PDB file of all heavy atoms in Angstrom:
ATOM      1  N   LEU A   1      16.205   4.712 -21.765  1.00  0.00           N
ATOM      2  CA  LEU A   1      15.043   4.511 -22.677  1.00  0.00           C
ATOM      3  C   LEU A   1      15.550   4.025 -24.053  1.00  0.00           C
ATOM      4  O   LEU A   1      14.938   3.262 -24.683  1.00  0.00           O
ATOM      5  CB  LEU A   1      14.258   5.804 -22.776  1.00  0.00           C
ATOM      6  CG  LEU A   1      12.972   5.745 -23.513  1.00  0.00           C
ATOM      7  CD1 LEU A   1      11.959   4.759 -22.893  1.00  0.00           C
ATOM      8  CD2 LEU A   1      12.261   7.090 -23.658  1.00  0.00           C
ATOM      9  N   ARG A   2      16.734   4.564 -24.441  1.00  0.00           N
ATOM     10  CA  ARG A   2      17.313   4.143 -25.667  1.00  0.00           C
ATOM     11  C   ARG A   2      17.531   2.620 -25.754  1.00  0.00           C
ATOM     12  O   ARG A   2      17.215   1.964 -26.664  1.00  0.00           O
ATOM     13  CB  ARG A   2      18.641   4.854 -25.956  1.00  0.00           C
ATOM     14  CG  ARG A   2      19.283   4.432 -27.306  1.00  0.00           C
ATOM     15  CD  ARG A   2      20.718   5.058 -27.355  1.00  0.00           C
ATOM     16  NE  ARG A   2      20.620   6.499 -27.465  1.00  0.00           N
ATOM     17  CZ  ARG A   2      20.413   7.154 -28.612  1.00  0.00           C
ATOM     18  NH1 ARG A   2      20.268   6.427 -29.751  1.00  0.00           N
ATOM     19  NH2 ARG A   2      20.426   8.406 -28.657  1.00  0.00           N
ATOM     20  N   GLN A   3      18.025   2.032 -24.631  1.00  0.00           N
ATOM     21  CA  GLN A   3      18.294   0.612 -24.599  1.00  0.00           C
ATOM     22  C   GLN A   3      16.975  -0.152 -24.620  1.00  0.00           C
ATOM     23  O   GLN A   3      16.842  -1.210 -25.229  1.00  0.00           O
ATOM     24  CB  GLN A   3      19.004   0.268 -23.290  1.00  0.00           C
ATOM     25  CG  GLN A   3      20.452   0.637 -23.296  1.00  0.00           C
ATOM     26  CD  GLN A   3      21.091   0.276 -21.910  1.00  0.00           C
ATOM     27  OE1 GLN A   3      20.907   1.036 -20.954  1.00  0.00           O
ATOM     28  NE2 GLN A   3      21.733  -0.800 -21.855  1.00  0.00           N
ATOM     29  N   LEU A   4      15.908   0.412 -23.958  1.00  0.00           N
ATOM     30  CA  LEU A   4      14.631  -0.276 -23.855  1.00  0.00           C
ATOM     31  C   LEU A   4      13.944  -0.452 -25.151  1.00  0.00           C
ATOM     32  O   LEU A   4      13.322  -1.511 -25.422  1.00  0.00           O
ATOM     33  CB  LEU A   4      13.784   0.467 -22.797  1.00  0.00           C
ATOM     34  CG  LEU A   4      12.469  -0.173 -22.498  1.00  0.00           C
ATOM     35  CD1 LEU A   4      12.700  -1.534 -21.792  1.00  0.00           C
ATOM     36  CD2 LEU A   4      11.629   0.754 -21.603  1.00  0.00           C
ATOM     37  N   VAL A   5      13.891   0.588 -26.001  1.00  0.00           N
ATOM     38  CA  VAL A   5      13.076   0.557 -27.181  1.00  0.00           C
ATOM     39  C   VAL A   5      13.814   0.036 -28.431  1.00  0.00           C
ATOM     40  O   VAL A   5      13.201  -0.319 -29.396  1.00  0.00           O
ATOM     41  CB  VAL A   5      12.475   1.923 -27.497  1.00  0.00           C
ATOM     42  CG1 VAL A   5      11.636   2.450 -26.370  1.00  0.00           C
ATOM     43  CG2 VAL A   5      13.608   2.913 -27.874  1.00  0.00           C
ATOM     44  N   HIS A   6      15.136  -0.114 -28.346  1.00  0.00           N
ATOM     45  CA  HIS A   6      15.873  -0.635 -29.513  1.00  0.00           C
ATOM     46  C   HIS A   6      15.884  -2.154 -29.481  1.00  0.00           C
ATOM     47  O   HIS A   6      16.080  -2.731 -28.383  1.00  0.00           O
ATOM     48  CB  HIS A   6      17.285  -0.102 -29.471  1.00  0.00           C
ATOM     49  CG  HIS A   6      17.426   1.325 -29.904  1.00  0.00           C
ATOM     50  ND1 HIS A   6      18.555   1.979 -30.210  1.00  0.00           N
ATOM     51  CD2 HIS A   6      16.393   2.309 -30.132  1.00  0.00           C
ATOM     52  CE1 HIS A   6      18.334   3.263 -30.508  1.00  0.00           C
ATOM     53  NE2 HIS A   6      17.022   3.459 -30.515  1.00  0.00           N
ATOM     54  N   LYS A   7      15.789  -2.756 -30.591  1.00  0.00           N
ATOM     55  CA  LYS A   7      15.741  -4.235 -30.628  1.00  0.00           C
ATOM     56  C   LYS A   7      17.099  -4.788 -30.383  1.00  0.00           C
ATOM     57  O   LYS A   7      17.217  -5.836 -29.725  1.00  0.00           O
ATOM     58  CB  LYS A   7      15.278  -4.657 -32.042  1.00  0.00           C
ATOM     59  CG  LYS A   7      15.155  -6.148 -32.161  1.00  0.00           C
ATOM     60  CD  LYS A   7      14.500  -6.570 -33.498  1.00  0.00           C
ATOM     61  CE  LYS A   7      14.366  -8.035 -33.609  1.00  0.00           C
ATOM     62  NZ  LYS A   7      13.512  -8.644 -32.658  1.00  0.00           N
ATOM     63  N   GLU A   8      18.159  -4.141 -30.882  1.00  0.00           N
ATOM     64  CA  GLU A   8      19.531  -4.650 -30.656  1.00  0.00           C
ATOM     65  C   GLU A   8      20.170  -3.895 -29.519  1.00  0.00           C
ATOM     66  O   GLU A   8      19.830  -2.794 -29.211  1.00  0.00           O
ATOM     67  CB  GLU A   8      20.373  -4.437 -31.912  1.00  0.00           C
ATOM     68  CG  GLU A   8      19.736  -5.104 -33.197  1.00  0.00           C
ATOM     69  CD  GLU A   8      19.677  -6.580 -33.028  1.00  0.00           C
ATOM     70  OE1 GLU A   8      20.445  -7.194 -32.311  1.00  0.00           O
ATOM     71  OE2 GLU A   8      18.806  -7.178 -33.705  1.00  0.00           O
ATOM     72  N   GLY A   9      21.114  -4.532 -28.842  1.00  0.00           N
ATOM     73  CA  GLY A   9      21.812  -3.848 -27.767  1.00  0.00           C
ATOM     74  C   GLY A   9      22.180  -4.866 -26.583  1.00  0.00           C
ATOM     75  O   GLY A   9      21.793  -5.962 -26.631  1.00  0.00           O
ATOM     76  N   ALA A  10      22.862  -4.279 -25.622  1.00  0.00           N
ATOM     77  CA  ALA A  10      23.274  -5.071 -24.458  1.00  0.00           C
ATOM     78  C   ALA A  10      22.028  -5.412 -23.584  1.00  0.00           C
ATOM     79  O   ALA A  10      21.041  -4.738 -23.665  1.00  0.00           O
ATOM     80  CB  ALA A  10      24.313  -4.267 -23.668  1.00  0.00           C
ATOM     81  N   PRO A  11      22.191  -6.393 -22.712  1.00  0.00           N
ATOM     82  CA  PRO A  11      21.077  -6.753 -21.811  1.00  0.00           C
ATOM     83  C   PRO A  11      20.742  -5.519 -20.980  1.00  0.00           C
ATOM     84  O   PRO A  11      21.551  -4.738 -20.587  1.00  0.00           O
ATOM     85  CB  PRO A  11      21.687  -7.845 -20.916  1.00  0.00           C
ATOM     86  CG  PRO A  11      22.716  -8.505 -21.802  1.00  0.00           C
ATOM     87  CD  PRO A  11      23.350  -7.396 -22.623  1.00  0.00           C
ATOM     88  N   PHE A  12      19.437  -5.403 -20.713  1.00  0.00           N
ATOM     89  CA  PHE A  12      18.921  -4.230 -20.031  1.00  0.00           C
ATOM     90  C   PHE A  12      19.091  -4.406 -18.481  1.00  0.00           C
ATOM     91  O   PHE A  12      18.479  -5.263 -17.914  1.00  0.00           O
ATOM     92  CB  PHE A  12      17.421  -4.042 -20.356  1.00  0.00           C
ATOM     93  CG  PHE A  12      16.805  -2.773 -19.941  1.00  0.00           C
ATOM     94  CD1 PHE A  12      17.112  -1.574 -20.483  1.00  0.00           C
ATOM     95  CD2 PHE A  12      15.888  -2.772 -18.952  1.00  0.00           C
ATOM     96  CE1 PHE A  12      16.567  -0.414 -20.100  1.00  0.00           C
ATOM     97  CE2 PHE A  12      15.237  -1.601 -18.442  1.00  0.00           C
ATOM     98  CZ  PHE A  12      15.597  -0.421 -19.092  1.00  0.00           C
ATOM     99  N   PRO A  13      19.874  -3.516 -17.806  1.00  0.00           N
ATOM    100  CA  PRO A  13      20.078  -3.667 -16.387  1.00  0.00           C
ATOM    101  C   PRO A  13      18.898  -3.231 -15.587  1.00  0.00           C
ATOM    102  O   PRO A  13      18.279  -2.297 -15.869  1.00  0.00           O
ATOM    103  CB  PRO A  13      21.302  -2.777 -16.140  1.00  0.00           C
ATOM    104  CG  PRO A  13      21.226  -1.726 -17.169  1.00  0.00           C
ATOM    105  CD  PRO A  13      20.617  -2.399 -18.406  1.00  0.00           C
ATOM    106  N   VAL A  14      18.590  -4.007 -14.530  1.00  0.00           N
ATOM    107  CA  VAL A  14      17.511  -3.667 -13.588  1.00  0.00           C
ATOM    108  C   VAL A  14      17.930  -3.982 -12.166  1.00  0.00           C
ATOM    109  O   VAL A  14      18.457  -5.072 -11.881  1.00  0.00           O
ATOM    110  CB  VAL A  14      16.230  -4.500 -13.912  1.00  0.00           C
ATOM    111  CG1 VAL A  14      15.160  -4.265 -12.898  1.00  0.00           C
ATOM    112  CG2 VAL A  14      15.741  -4.216 -15.341  1.00  0.00           C
ATOM    113  N   ALA A  15      17.674  -3.077 -11.246  1.00  0.00           N
ATOM    114  CA  ALA A  15      17.907  -3.294  -9.836  1.00  0.00           C
ATOM    115  C   ALA A  15      16.583  -2.809  -9.154  1.00  0.00           C
ATOM    116  O   ALA A  15      16.204  -1.632  -9.271  1.00  0.00           O
ATOM    117  CB  ALA A  15      19.063  -2.531  -9.246  1.00  0.00           C
ATOM    118  N   MET A  16      15.888  -3.727  -8.453  1.00  0.00           N
ATOM    119  CA  MET A  16      14.540  -3.455  -7.964  1.00  0.00           C
ATOM    120  C   MET A  16      14.373  -3.753  -6.512  1.00  0.00           C
ATOM    121  O   MET A  16      14.869  -4.816  -6.027  1.00  0.00           O
ATOM    122  CB  MET A  16      13.498  -4.288  -8.804  1.00  0.00           C
ATOM    123  CG  MET A  16      12.102  -4.036  -8.481  1.00  0.00           C
ATOM    124  SD  MET A  16      10.936  -5.079  -9.435  1.00  0.00           S
ATOM    125  CE  MET A  16      11.444  -4.619 -11.106  1.00  0.00           C
ATOM    126  N   GLU A  17      13.712  -2.915  -5.780  1.00  0.00           N
ATOM    127  CA  GLU A  17      13.325  -3.167  -4.360  1.00  0.00           C
ATOM    128  C   GLU A  17      11.805  -3.086  -4.298  1.00  0.00           C
ATOM    129  O   GLU A  17      11.229  -2.091  -4.662  1.00  0.00           O
ATOM    130  CB  GLU A  17      13.935  -2.135  -3.458  1.00  0.00           C
ATOM    131  CG  GLU A  17      15.491  -2.169  -3.353  1.00  0.00           C
ATOM    132  CD  GLU A  17      16.045  -1.223  -2.333  1.00  0.00           C
ATOM    133  OE1 GLU A  17      15.272  -0.594  -1.647  1.00  0.00           O
ATOM    134  OE2 GLU A  17      17.271  -1.129  -2.234  1.00  0.00           O
ATOM    135  N   ILE A  18      11.208  -4.192  -3.813  1.00  0.00           N
ATOM    136  CA  ILE A  18       9.765  -4.285  -3.809  1.00  0.00           C
ATOM    137  C   ILE A  18       9.307  -4.495  -2.356  1.00  0.00           C
ATOM    138  O   ILE A  18       9.930  -5.292  -1.638  1.00  0.00           O
ATOM    139  CB  ILE A  18       9.284  -5.488  -4.670  1.00  0.00           C
ATOM    140  CG1 ILE A  18       9.815  -5.369  -6.104  1.00  0.00           C
ATOM    141  CG2 ILE A  18       7.781  -5.622  -4.632  1.00  0.00           C
ATOM    142  CD1 ILE A  18       9.597  -6.619  -6.953  1.00  0.00           C
ATOM    143  N   SER A  19       8.277  -3.818  -1.947  1.00  0.00           N
ATOM    144  CA  SER A  19       7.739  -4.011  -0.627  1.00  0.00           C
ATOM    145  C   SER A  19       6.240  -4.013  -0.649  1.00  0.00           C
ATOM    146  O   SER A  19       5.601  -3.389  -1.481  1.00  0.00           O
ATOM    147  CB  SER A  19       8.263  -2.871   0.314  1.00  0.00           C
ATOM    148  OG  SER A  19       7.814  -1.637  -0.123  1.00  0.00           O
ATOM    149  N   ALA A  20       5.639  -4.840   0.217  1.00  0.00           N
ATOM    150  CA  ALA A  20       4.207  -4.987   0.433  1.00  0.00           C
ATOM    151  C   ALA A  20       3.990  -5.292   1.904  1.00  0.00           C
ATOM    152  O   ALA A  20       4.965  -5.591   2.562  1.00  0.00           O
ATOM    153  CB  ALA A  20       3.640  -6.044  -0.466  1.00  0.00           C
ATOM    154  N   PRO A  21       2.799  -5.145   2.396  1.00  0.00           N
ATOM    155  CA  PRO A  21       2.596  -5.477   3.831  1.00  0.00           C
ATOM    156  C   PRO A  21       3.131  -6.847   4.166  1.00  0.00           C
ATOM    157  O   PRO A  21       2.624  -7.872   3.647  1.00  0.00           O
ATOM    158  CB  PRO A  21       1.066  -5.440   3.963  1.00  0.00           C
ATOM    159  CG  PRO A  21       0.611  -4.445   2.880  1.00  0.00           C
ATOM    160  CD  PRO A  21       1.571  -4.693   1.748  1.00  0.00           C
ATOM    161  N   GLY A  22       4.184  -6.883   5.022  1.00  0.00           N
ATOM    162  CA  GLY A  22       4.740  -8.194   5.470  1.00  0.00           C
ATOM    163  C   GLY A  22       5.606  -8.861   4.410  1.00  0.00           C
ATOM    164  O   GLY A  22       5.946 -10.025   4.619  1.00  0.00           O
ATOM    165  N   LEU A  23       6.051  -8.127   3.363  1.00  0.00           N
ATOM    166  CA  LEU A  23       6.849  -8.780   2.334  1.00  0.00           C
ATOM    167  C   LEU A  23       7.862  -7.765   1.793  1.00  0.00           C
ATOM    168  O   LEU A  23       7.520  -6.584   1.567  1.00  0.00           O
ATOM    169  CB  LEU A  23       5.917  -9.285   1.226  1.00  0.00           C
ATOM    170  CG  LEU A  23       6.602 -10.067   0.122  1.00  0.00           C
ATOM    171  CD1 LEU A  23       5.553 -11.112  -0.484  1.00  0.00           C
ATOM    172  CD2 LEU A  23       7.057  -9.177  -1.013  1.00  0.00           C
ATOM    173  N   ARG A  24       9.089  -8.260   1.607  1.00  0.00           N
ATOM    174  CA  ARG A  24      10.131  -7.422   0.993  1.00  0.00           C
ATOM    175  C   ARG A  24      11.001  -8.227   0.069  1.00  0.00           C
ATOM    176  O   ARG A  24      11.362  -9.366   0.455  1.00  0.00           O
ATOM    177  CB  ARG A  24      10.946  -6.740   2.073  1.00  0.00           C
ATOM    178  CG  ARG A  24      12.081  -5.766   1.520  1.00  0.00           C
ATOM    179  CD  ARG A  24      12.684  -5.023   2.651  1.00  0.00           C
ATOM    180  NE  ARG A  24      11.778  -4.136   3.323  1.00  0.00           N
ATOM    181  CZ  ARG A  24      11.555  -2.882   2.834  1.00  0.00           C
ATOM    182  NH1 ARG A  24      12.102  -2.464   1.782  1.00  0.00           N
ATOM    183  NH2 ARG A  24      10.709  -2.131   3.506  1.00  0.00           N
ATOM    184  N   ALA A  25      11.318  -7.763  -1.097  1.00  0.00           N
ATOM    185  CA  ALA A  25      12.096  -8.446  -2.055  1.00  0.00           C
ATOM    186  C   ALA A  25      13.023  -7.516  -2.830  1.00  0.00           C
ATOM    187  O   ALA A  25      12.705  -6.326  -2.998  1.00  0.00           O
ATOM    188  CB  ALA A  25      11.233  -9.193  -3.113  1.00  0.00           C
TER     189      ALA A  25
END
């Protein structure tokens, strides 16, 4: 959360798994 709300800082890392009927990403 510290990285998210501060204007300065390193790129914010994200790893996401998304699923919907008949779809996965």
